[in-house]
Structures are given as structure tokens and as C-alpha cells.
Amino acid sequence: MASESSATVTEALGDIQQQPPIAPSLRQIDCGQDVVKIAILGVESTGKTTLCQDLAAHFHTEWVEEYMRPYLQQKWDASKQSCEWADLMPIAEGQVALENHKTLSVNTLNANALNANTLNANRYLFCDTSLFELMVYAYWYYGACPAAIQQAALAHQYELILLTDIDVAWVADDLRDAPHQRHEIDAAFDAAFNHYGKPFRRIGGNRQTRVATVAAWLEELQSG
């Protein structure tokens, strides 16, 4: 699949004016401070899913799976076709549904723990991707993004956004297609974050270092 350069992605990014209300299927459930959401984004094969799993295990909480991978794997297995423009909205809706489901799950677990006078009630929810990542990739591959997805991507809120460093070896699979463009795509993420004023932190190192670093950041955020 042909892709846009990072410079083109940066030029294409723009604010949508006079937006209608966010589509109901793309609305993010907000449980306030009862659920603290952390979005983990980045280019392919940089350890996002592993980090989500490790953090969820460390904090004894839940994590949100990436909807796009099983969706596209099923499409590949059935027709040997990769992602197309028409797939973007179903992927976005599926991702939001997963995140909202896990948000309510963590909120319920936290409420039950508090009711049981449990001091370790956990509020963290680690999200393996978000609509912001889908937006960045839409611009990378197509030079545009469906307006409804971009609008929701910019409206969704996370207490912490992490961008995984490219310090993990690229591993081939049926869906990954950019082993030699990871640094360019990473630059596109950086440009998008800065363009829209989205604060983020880069996370790198081995698995233990990544978990320890994020844990320290979360303690800092909670104490602040």
C-alpha cells in the first residue's frame, strides 16, 4: 500500500471547523477520576501490546486490546486484502466499543473494591492504541482521515499518552508492512502531537524498565 511522506502528513493535518456532535458510536465514556486512562501509541512492532499487558499485570487491572489487528487479520485470512479506506470507520467504532466496555468494567471493579474497603482499588486502564493513532495512520496511508474519526480522536481524553520508542526489533507478520519507514512514521506521530497540542511522553528500554518508568510517572501524576 502506498504511503504519504511524513512531510505530507504534517501538511495534511488540519483542524475541522464547525464540527457536528461526535457520532454516538465514537463517543468516549467518561467516568471522571474513577478511571485513569493511559493511551499507548506508536509505530508497528515497538512493544505497545506487551507494555499494556505488563502494566495491567503490574497494577492488577485491565487493558484494552487493539481492535484493528484481529479485524484486519480476519480480512487477510479470508481475501488476502489489507486495510482500505472503507475499513477505517468499522475499526474506529470497534476500538471505541472495546475501550468503553473496559472503562465500565474497571469502574465497576473499582467501586466494588471501595465498597469492600479495599485499599488497593485500582483505577488504571491501559489502552493499546486510540483513535488518534488511527488518524495518524489514515493520513500516512491516504493523505486524509474521515472527519468523524478525526473529530473524535481530538476530543478523546487520556491522563497520559505514551509513544513507544523504536528500540524493539521489527517482527514480520501478515499485517505489518513498513519495516523501513518506522522512523518516518514516528516523526508523523510527533508532528501530529505537536500540531494539536497533545502532551505525550516517549517510553523506551526493556520490558522491566518501561514498566518501572511508567509506574513512576503515574505516581507522579497521582501525587500532583
C-alpha atoms as a PDB file:
ATOM      1  CA  MET A   1       0.000   0.000   0.000  1.00  0.00           C
ATOM      2  CA  ALA A   2       1.460   3.362  -0.981  1.00  0.00           C
ATOM      3  CA  SER A   3       2.025   5.820   1.835  1.00  0.00           C
ATOM      4  CA  GLU A   4       2.336   9.569   2.216  1.00  0.00           C
ATOM      5  CA  SER A   5       5.665  11.019   3.407  1.00  0.00           C
ATOM      6  CA  SER A   6       5.881  12.426   6.925  1.00  0.00           C
ATOM      7  CA  ALA A   7       6.098  15.932   5.449  1.00  0.00           C
ATOM      8  CA  THR A   8       2.879  15.349   3.516  1.00  0.00           C
ATOM      9  CA  VAL A   9       1.211  14.007   6.652  1.00  0.00           C
ATOM     10  CA  THR A  10       2.210  17.148   8.534  1.00  0.00           C
ATOM     11  CA  GLU A  11       0.858  19.370   5.765  1.00  0.00           C
ATOM     12  CA  ALA A  12      -2.379  17.397   5.574  1.00  0.00           C
ATOM     13  CA  LEU A  13      -3.162  17.660   9.276  1.00  0.00           C
ATOM     14  CA  GLY A  14      -5.754  20.341   9.810  1.00  0.00           C
ATOM     15  CA  ASP A  15      -8.431  21.427  12.209  1.00  0.00           C
ATOM     16  CA  ILE A  16     -12.002  20.618  11.205  1.00  0.00           C
ATOM     17  CA  GLN A  17     -14.153  23.713  11.501  1.00  0.00           C
ATOM     18  CA  GLN A  18     -17.820  23.873  12.580  1.00  0.00           C
ATOM     19  CA  GLN A  19     -17.950  20.239  13.558  1.00  0.00           C
ATOM     20  CA  PRO A  20     -21.237  18.458  14.280  1.00  0.00           C
ATOM     21  CA  PRO A  21     -21.638  16.464  17.510  1.00  0.00           C
ATOM     22  CA  ILE A  22     -19.417  13.395  17.771  1.00  0.00           C
ATOM     23  CA  ALA A  23     -21.063  10.308  16.289  1.00  0.00           C
ATOM     24  CA  PRO A  24     -22.663   8.215  19.072  1.00  0.00           C
ATOM     25  CA  SER A  25     -20.625   5.151  18.050  1.00  0.00           C
ATOM     26  CA  LEU A  26     -17.399   7.134  18.545  1.00  0.00           C
ATOM     27  CA  ARG A  27     -18.198   8.773  21.867  1.00  0.00           C
ATOM     28  CA  GLN A  28     -15.804   8.004  24.704  1.00  0.00           C
ATOM     29  CA  ILE A  29     -17.335   7.120  28.059  1.00  0.00           C
ATOM     30  CA  ASP A  30     -16.050   9.392  30.800  1.00  0.00           C
ATOM     31  CA  CYS A  31     -16.027   8.089  34.368  1.00  0.00           C
ATOM     32  CA  GLY A  32     -14.100  11.074  35.668  1.00  0.00           C
ATOM     33  CA  GLN A  33     -11.263  10.290  38.052  1.00  0.00           C
ATOM     34  CA  ASP A  34     -12.764   6.879  38.818  1.00  0.00           C
ATOM     35  CA  VAL A  35     -10.928   5.529  35.749  1.00  0.00           C
ATOM     36  CA  VAL A  36      -7.474   6.828  34.816  1.00  0.00           C
ATOM     37  CA  LYS A  37      -6.826   6.106  31.136  1.00  0.00           C
ATOM     38  CA  ILE A  38      -3.369   5.727  29.644  1.00  0.00           C
ATOM     39  CA  ALA A  39      -3.062   5.526  25.831  1.00  0.00           C
ATOM     40  CA  ILE A  40      -0.054   3.673  24.449  1.00  0.00           C
ATOM     41  CA  LEU A  41       0.652   4.611  20.828  1.00  0.00           C
ATOM     42  CA  GLY A  42       3.459   4.133  18.358  1.00  0.00           C
ATOM     43  CA  VAL A  43       4.649   2.621  15.123  1.00  0.00           C
ATOM     44  CA  GLU A  44       4.353  -1.069  14.376  1.00  0.00           C
ATOM     45  CA  SER A  45       6.393  -3.620  16.295  1.00  0.00           C
ATOM     46  CA  THR A  46       7.545  -1.339  19.113  1.00  0.00           C
ATOM     47  CA  GLY A  47       6.099  -3.284  22.036  1.00  0.00           C
ATOM     48  CA  LYS A  48       2.797  -1.466  22.604  1.00  0.00           C
ATOM     49  CA  THR A  49       0.739  -4.575  23.332  1.00  0.00           C
ATOM     50  CA  THR A  50       3.444  -6.114  25.515  1.00  0.00           C
ATOM     51  CA  LEU A  51       3.683  -2.905  27.527  1.00  0.00           C
ATOM     52  CA  CYS A  52      -0.091  -2.783  28.016  1.00  0.00           C
ATOM     53  CA  GLN A  53      -0.114  -6.378  29.218  1.00  0.00           C
ATOM     54  CA  ASP A  54       2.853  -5.832  31.529  1.00  0.00           C
ATOM     55  CA  LEU A  55       1.342  -2.682  33.048  1.00  0.00           C
ATOM     56  CA  ALA A  56      -2.049  -4.323  33.562  1.00  0.00           C
ATOM     57  CA  ALA A  57      -0.349  -7.224  35.327  1.00  0.00           C
ATOM     58  CA  HIS A  58       1.783  -4.868  37.435  1.00  0.00           C
ATOM     59  CA  PHE A  59      -1.211  -2.835  38.595  1.00  0.00           C
ATOM     60  CA  HIS A  60      -3.677  -5.757  38.728  1.00  0.00           C
ATOM     61  CA  THR A  61      -6.050  -4.016  36.373  1.00  0.00           C
ATOM     62  CA  GLU A  62      -7.403  -4.240  32.822  1.00  0.00           C
ATOM     63  CA  TRP A  63      -6.130  -3.245  29.412  1.00  0.00           C
ATOM     64  CA  VAL A  64      -7.884  -2.506  26.113  1.00  0.00           C
ATOM     65  CA  GLU A  65      -6.940  -4.701  23.181  1.00  0.00           C
ATOM     66  CA  GLU A  66      -6.370  -3.272  19.721  1.00  0.00           C
ATOM     67  CA  TYR A  67      -9.472  -3.908  17.608  1.00  0.00           C
ATOM     68  CA  MET A  68      -7.768  -3.362  14.261  1.00  0.00           C
ATOM     69  CA  ARG A  69      -5.389  -6.324  14.366  1.00  0.00           C
ATOM     70  CA  PRO A  70      -7.954  -9.163  14.639  1.00  0.00           C
ATOM     71  CA  TYR A  71     -10.277  -7.261  12.279  1.00  0.00           C
ATOM     72  CA  LEU A  72      -7.604  -6.985   9.580  1.00  0.00           C
ATOM     73  CA  GLN A  73      -6.207 -10.456  10.242  1.00  0.00           C
ATOM     74  CA  GLN A  74      -9.636 -11.923   9.578  1.00  0.00           C
ATOM     75  CA  LYS A  75      -9.869  -9.898   6.362  1.00  0.00           C
ATOM     76  CA  TRP A  76      -6.397 -11.042   5.295  1.00  0.00           C
ATOM     77  CA  ASP A  77      -7.152 -14.681   6.043  1.00  0.00           C
ATOM     78  CA  ALA A  78     -10.381 -14.503   4.040  1.00  0.00           C
ATOM     79  CA  SER A  79      -9.259 -12.499   0.994  1.00  0.00           C
ATOM     80  CA  LYS A  80      -5.544 -11.640   1.315  1.00  0.00           C
ATOM     81  CA  GLN A  81      -6.565  -7.962   1.308  1.00  0.00           C
ATOM     82  CA  SER A  82      -5.096  -5.312   3.590  1.00  0.00           C
ATOM     83  CA  CYS A  83      -6.699  -2.239   5.131  1.00  0.00           C
ATOM     84  CA  GLU A  84      -8.791   0.002   2.872  1.00  0.00           C
ATOM     85  CA  TRP A  85     -10.445   3.374   3.395  1.00  0.00           C
ATOM     86  CA  ALA A  86     -13.819   1.682   3.953  1.00  0.00           C
ATOM     87  CA  ASP A  87     -12.366  -0.234   6.902  1.00  0.00           C
ATOM     88  CA  LEU A  88     -11.453   2.867   8.899  1.00  0.00           C
ATOM     89  CA  MET A  89     -14.897   3.583  10.360  1.00  0.00           C
ATOM     90  CA  PRO A  90     -15.631  -0.019  11.429  1.00  0.00           C
ATOM     91  CA  ILE A  91     -12.184  -0.152  13.032  1.00  0.00           C
ATOM     92  CA  ALA A  92     -12.791   3.136  14.867  1.00  0.00           C
ATOM     93  CA  GLU A  93     -16.201   2.038  16.105  1.00  0.00           C
ATOM     94  CA  GLY A  94     -14.836  -1.315  17.241  1.00  0.00           C
ATOM     95  CA  GLN A  95     -11.968   0.326  19.135  1.00  0.00           C
ATOM     96  CA  VAL A  96     -14.254   2.766  20.930  1.00  0.00           C
ATOM     97  CA  ALA A  97     -16.656  -0.036  21.855  1.00  0.00           C
ATOM     98  CA  LEU A  98     -13.801  -2.050  23.364  1.00  0.00           C
ATOM     99  CA  GLU A  99     -12.473   0.919  25.305  1.00  0.00           C
ATOM    100  CA  ASN A 100     -15.904   1.860  26.623  1.00  0.00           C
ATOM    101  CA  HIS A 101     -16.586  -1.726  27.699  1.00  0.00           C
ATOM    102  CA  LYS A 102     -13.313  -1.927  29.621  1.00  0.00           C
ATOM    103  CA  THR A 103     -13.888   1.548  31.100  1.00  0.00           C
ATOM    104  CA  LEU A 104     -17.157   0.405  32.635  1.00  0.00           C
ATOM    105  CA  SER A 105     -15.515  -2.831  33.775  1.00  0.00           C
ATOM    106  CA  VAL A 106     -12.706  -1.015  35.613  1.00  0.00           C
ATOM    107  CA  ASN A 107     -15.190   1.459  37.055  1.00  0.00           C
ATOM    108  CA  THR A 108     -17.305  -1.396  38.433  1.00  0.00           C
ATOM    109  CA  LEU A 109     -14.297  -3.248  39.853  1.00  0.00           C
ATOM    110  CA  ASN A 110     -13.064  -0.073  41.481  1.00  0.00           C
ATOM    111  CA  ALA A 111     -16.479   0.666  43.001  1.00  0.00           C
ATOM    112  CA  ASN A 112     -16.747  -2.874  44.363  1.00  0.00           C
ATOM    113  CA  ALA A 113     -13.273  -2.643  45.856  1.00  0.00           C
ATOM    114  CA  LEU A 114     -14.079   0.662  47.522  1.00  0.00           C
ATOM    115  CA  ASN A 115     -17.319  -0.720  48.873  1.00  0.00           C
ATOM    116  CA  ALA A 116     -15.355  -3.623  50.336  1.00  0.00           C
ATOM    117  CA  ASN A 117     -12.983  -1.132  52.000  1.00  0.00           C
ATOM    118  CA  THR A 118     -10.125  -2.429  49.838  1.00  0.00           C
ATOM    119  CA  LEU A 119      -7.214  -0.017  49.895  1.00  0.00           C
ATOM    120  CA  ASN A 120      -5.809  -1.267  46.605  1.00  0.00           C
ATOM    121  CA  ALA A 121      -8.806  -0.215  44.494  1.00  0.00           C
ATOM    122  CA  ASN A 122      -7.285   0.302  41.045  1.00  0.00           C
ATOM    123  CA  ARG A 123      -8.388   2.904  38.577  1.00  0.00           C
ATOM    124  CA  TYR A 124      -5.898   2.477  35.745  1.00  0.00           C
ATOM    125  CA  LEU A 125      -6.925   1.398  32.259  1.00  0.00           C
ATOM    126  CA  PHE A 126      -4.159   0.858  29.707  1.00  0.00           C
ATOM    127  CA  CYS A 127      -5.285   1.341  26.105  1.00  0.00           C
ATOM    128  CA  ASP A 128      -3.398  -0.408  23.300  1.00  0.00           C
ATOM    129  CA  THR A 129      -3.933   2.360  20.699  1.00  0.00           C
ATOM    130  CA  SER A 130      -6.574   5.080  20.347  1.00  0.00           C
ATOM    131  CA  LEU A 131      -8.382   6.902  17.564  1.00  0.00           C
ATOM    132  CA  PHE A 132      -5.500   9.385  17.482  1.00  0.00           C
ATOM    133  CA  GLU A 133      -3.223   6.619  16.219  1.00  0.00           C
ATOM    134  CA  LEU A 134      -5.809   5.599  13.632  1.00  0.00           C
ATOM    135  CA  MET A 135      -5.963   9.230  12.495  1.00  0.00           C
ATOM    136  CA  VAL A 136      -2.180   9.432  12.102  1.00  0.00           C
ATOM    137  CA  TYR A 137      -2.109   6.252  10.052  1.00  0.00           C
ATOM    138  CA  ALA A 138      -5.033   7.405   7.920  1.00  0.00           C
ATOM    139  CA  TYR A 139      -3.062  10.493   6.946  1.00  0.00           C
ATOM    140  CA  TRP A 140       0.046   8.400   6.394  1.00  0.00           C
ATOM    141  CA  TYR A 141      -1.581   5.940   4.004  1.00  0.00           C
ATOM    142  CA  TYR A 142      -4.350   8.014   2.417  1.00  0.00           C
ATOM    143  CA  GLY A 143      -3.403  11.660   2.945  1.00  0.00           C
ATOM    144  CA  ALA A 144      -6.758  12.194   4.680  1.00  0.00           C
ATOM    145  CA  CYS A 145      -8.869  10.961   7.564  1.00  0.00           C
ATOM    146  CA  PRO A 146     -12.655  10.546   7.828  1.00  0.00           C
ATOM    147  CA  ALA A 147     -13.929  13.690   9.522  1.00  0.00           C
ATOM    148  CA  ALA A 148     -15.896  11.787  12.156  1.00  0.00           C
ATOM    149  CA  ILE A 149     -12.812   9.841  13.230  1.00  0.00           C
ATOM    150  CA  GLN A 150     -10.586  12.924  13.381  1.00  0.00           C
ATOM    151  CA  GLN A 151     -13.171  14.830  15.383  1.00  0.00           C
ATOM    152  CA  ALA A 152     -13.474  12.020  17.929  1.00  0.00           C
ATOM    153  CA  ALA A 153      -9.719  11.415  18.016  1.00  0.00           C
ATOM    154  CA  LEU A 154      -9.074  15.019  19.000  1.00  0.00           C
ATOM    155  CA  ALA A 155     -11.882  15.048  21.580  1.00  0.00           C
ATOM    156  CA  HIS A 156     -10.957  11.830  23.395  1.00  0.00           C
ATOM    157  CA  GLN A 157      -9.099  12.389  26.646  1.00  0.00           C
ATOM    158  CA  TYR A 158      -6.338  10.395  28.373  1.00  0.00           C
ATOM    159  CA  GLU A 159      -4.492  11.231  31.563  1.00  0.00           C
ATOM    160  CA  LEU A 160      -1.247  10.092  29.974  1.00  0.00           C
ATOM    161  CA  ILE A 161      -0.259   9.440  26.344  1.00  0.00           C
ATOM    162  CA  LEU A 162       2.832   7.335  25.697  1.00  0.00           C
ATOM    163  CA  LEU A 163       4.726   6.982  22.426  1.00  0.00           C
ATOM    164  CA  THR A 164       6.833   3.819  22.258  1.00  0.00           C
ATOM    165  CA  ASP A 165      10.426   4.214  21.133  1.00  0.00           C
ATOM    166  CA  ILE A 166      11.803   2.290  18.170  1.00  0.00           C
ATOM    167  CA  ASP A 167      14.134   0.183  20.291  1.00  0.00           C
ATOM    168  CA  VAL A 168      12.395  -3.139  19.685  1.00  0.00           C
ATOM    169  CA  ALA A 169      13.310  -5.332  16.717  1.00  0.00           C
ATOM    170  CA  TRP A 170      10.804  -5.366  13.867  1.00  0.00           C
ATOM    171  CA  VAL A 171       8.989  -8.717  13.615  1.00  0.00           C
ATOM    172  CA  ALA A 172       7.206  -9.647  10.396  1.00  0.00           C
ATOM    173  CA  ASP A 173       3.599 -10.823  10.283  1.00  0.00           C
ATOM    174  CA  ASP A 174       0.709 -10.743   7.795  1.00  0.00           C
ATOM    175  CA  LEU A 175      -0.222  -7.135   8.586  1.00  0.00           C
ATOM    176  CA  ARG A 176       3.000  -5.219   9.165  1.00  0.00           C
ATOM    177  CA  ASP A 177       4.291  -3.543   6.026  1.00  0.00           C
ATOM    178  CA  ALA A 178       6.678  -0.739   6.995  1.00  0.00           C
ATOM    179  CA  PRO A 179       9.930  -2.142   8.404  1.00  0.00           C
ATOM    180  CA  HIS A 180      11.992   0.597   6.752  1.00  0.00           C
ATOM    181  CA  GLN A 181       9.633   3.510   7.452  1.00  0.00           C
ATOM    182  CA  ARG A 182       9.261   3.279  11.206  1.00  0.00           C
ATOM    183  CA  HIS A 183      11.303   6.416  11.885  1.00  0.00           C
ATOM    184  CA  GLU A 184       9.326   8.412   9.316  1.00  0.00           C
ATOM    185  CA  ILE A 185       6.021   7.271  10.812  1.00  0.00           C
ATOM    186  CA  ASP A 186       7.345   8.045  14.288  1.00  0.00           C
ATOM    187  CA  ALA A 187       8.077  11.576  13.059  1.00  0.00           C
ATOM    188  CA  ALA A 188       4.485  11.802  11.807  1.00  0.00           C
ATOM    189  CA  PHE A 189       3.221  10.914  15.302  1.00  0.00           C
ATOM    190  CA  ASP A 190       5.474  13.567  16.802  1.00  0.00           C
ATOM    191  CA  ALA A 191       4.242  16.147  14.289  1.00  0.00           C
ATOM    192  CA  ALA A 192       0.595  15.319  14.981  1.00  0.00           C
ATOM    193  CA  PHE A 193       1.013  15.532  18.754  1.00  0.00           C
ATOM    194  CA  ASN A 194       2.677  18.909  18.447  1.00  0.00           C
ATOM    195  CA  HIS A 195       0.250  20.193  15.831  1.00  0.00           C
ATOM    196  CA  TYR A 196      -2.752  19.506  18.048  1.00  0.00           C
ATOM    197  CA  GLY A 197      -1.095  20.362  21.351  1.00  0.00           C
ATOM    198  CA  LYS A 198      -1.367  16.837  22.750  1.00  0.00           C
ATOM    199  CA  PRO A 199       1.165  16.280  25.555  1.00  0.00           C
ATOM    200  CA  PHE A 200       2.924  12.924  25.361  1.00  0.00           C
ATOM    201  CA  ARG A 201       5.934  11.107  26.750  1.00  0.00           C
ATOM    202  CA  ARG A 202       8.273   8.738  24.988  1.00  0.00           C
ATOM    203  CA  ILE A 203       8.791   5.355  26.597  1.00  0.00           C
ATOM    204  CA  GLY A 204      11.702   3.043  25.804  1.00  0.00           C
ATOM    205  CA  GLY A 205      14.019   0.470  27.279  1.00  0.00           C
ATOM    206  CA  ASN A 206      13.495  -3.190  28.087  1.00  0.00           C
ATOM    207  CA  ARG A 207      10.224  -4.513  29.497  1.00  0.00           C
ATOM    208  CA  GLN A 208      11.196  -4.012  33.136  1.00  0.00           C
ATOM    209  CA  THR A 209      12.495  -0.500  32.513  1.00  0.00           C
ATOM    210  CA  ARG A 210       9.354   0.518  30.645  1.00  0.00           C
ATOM    211  CA  VAL A 211       7.056  -0.696  33.424  1.00  0.00           C
ATOM    212  CA  ALA A 212       9.130   0.948  36.155  1.00  0.00           C
ATOM    213  CA  THR A 213       9.256   4.230  34.230  1.00  0.00           C
ATOM    214  CA  VAL A 214       5.502   4.347  33.621  1.00  0.00           C
ATOM    215  CA  ALA A 215       4.800   3.389  37.239  1.00  0.00           C
ATOM    216  CA  ALA A 216       6.934   6.315  38.404  1.00  0.00           C
ATOM    217  CA  TRP A 217       5.163   8.690  36.013  1.00  0.00           C
ATOM    218  CA  LEU A 218       1.752   7.543  37.248  1.00  0.00           C
ATOM    219  CA  GLU A 219       2.773   8.014  40.862  1.00  0.00           C
ATOM    220  CA  GLU A 220       3.930  11.492  39.937  1.00  0.00           C
ATOM    221  CA  LEU A 221       0.640  12.290  38.223  1.00  0.00           C
ATOM    222  CA  GLN A 222      -1.466  10.958  41.087  1.00  0.00           C
ATOM    223  CA  SER A 223       0.531  12.812  43.731  1.00  0.00           C
ATOM    224  CA  GLY A 224       0.386  16.015  41.732  1.00  0.00           C
END
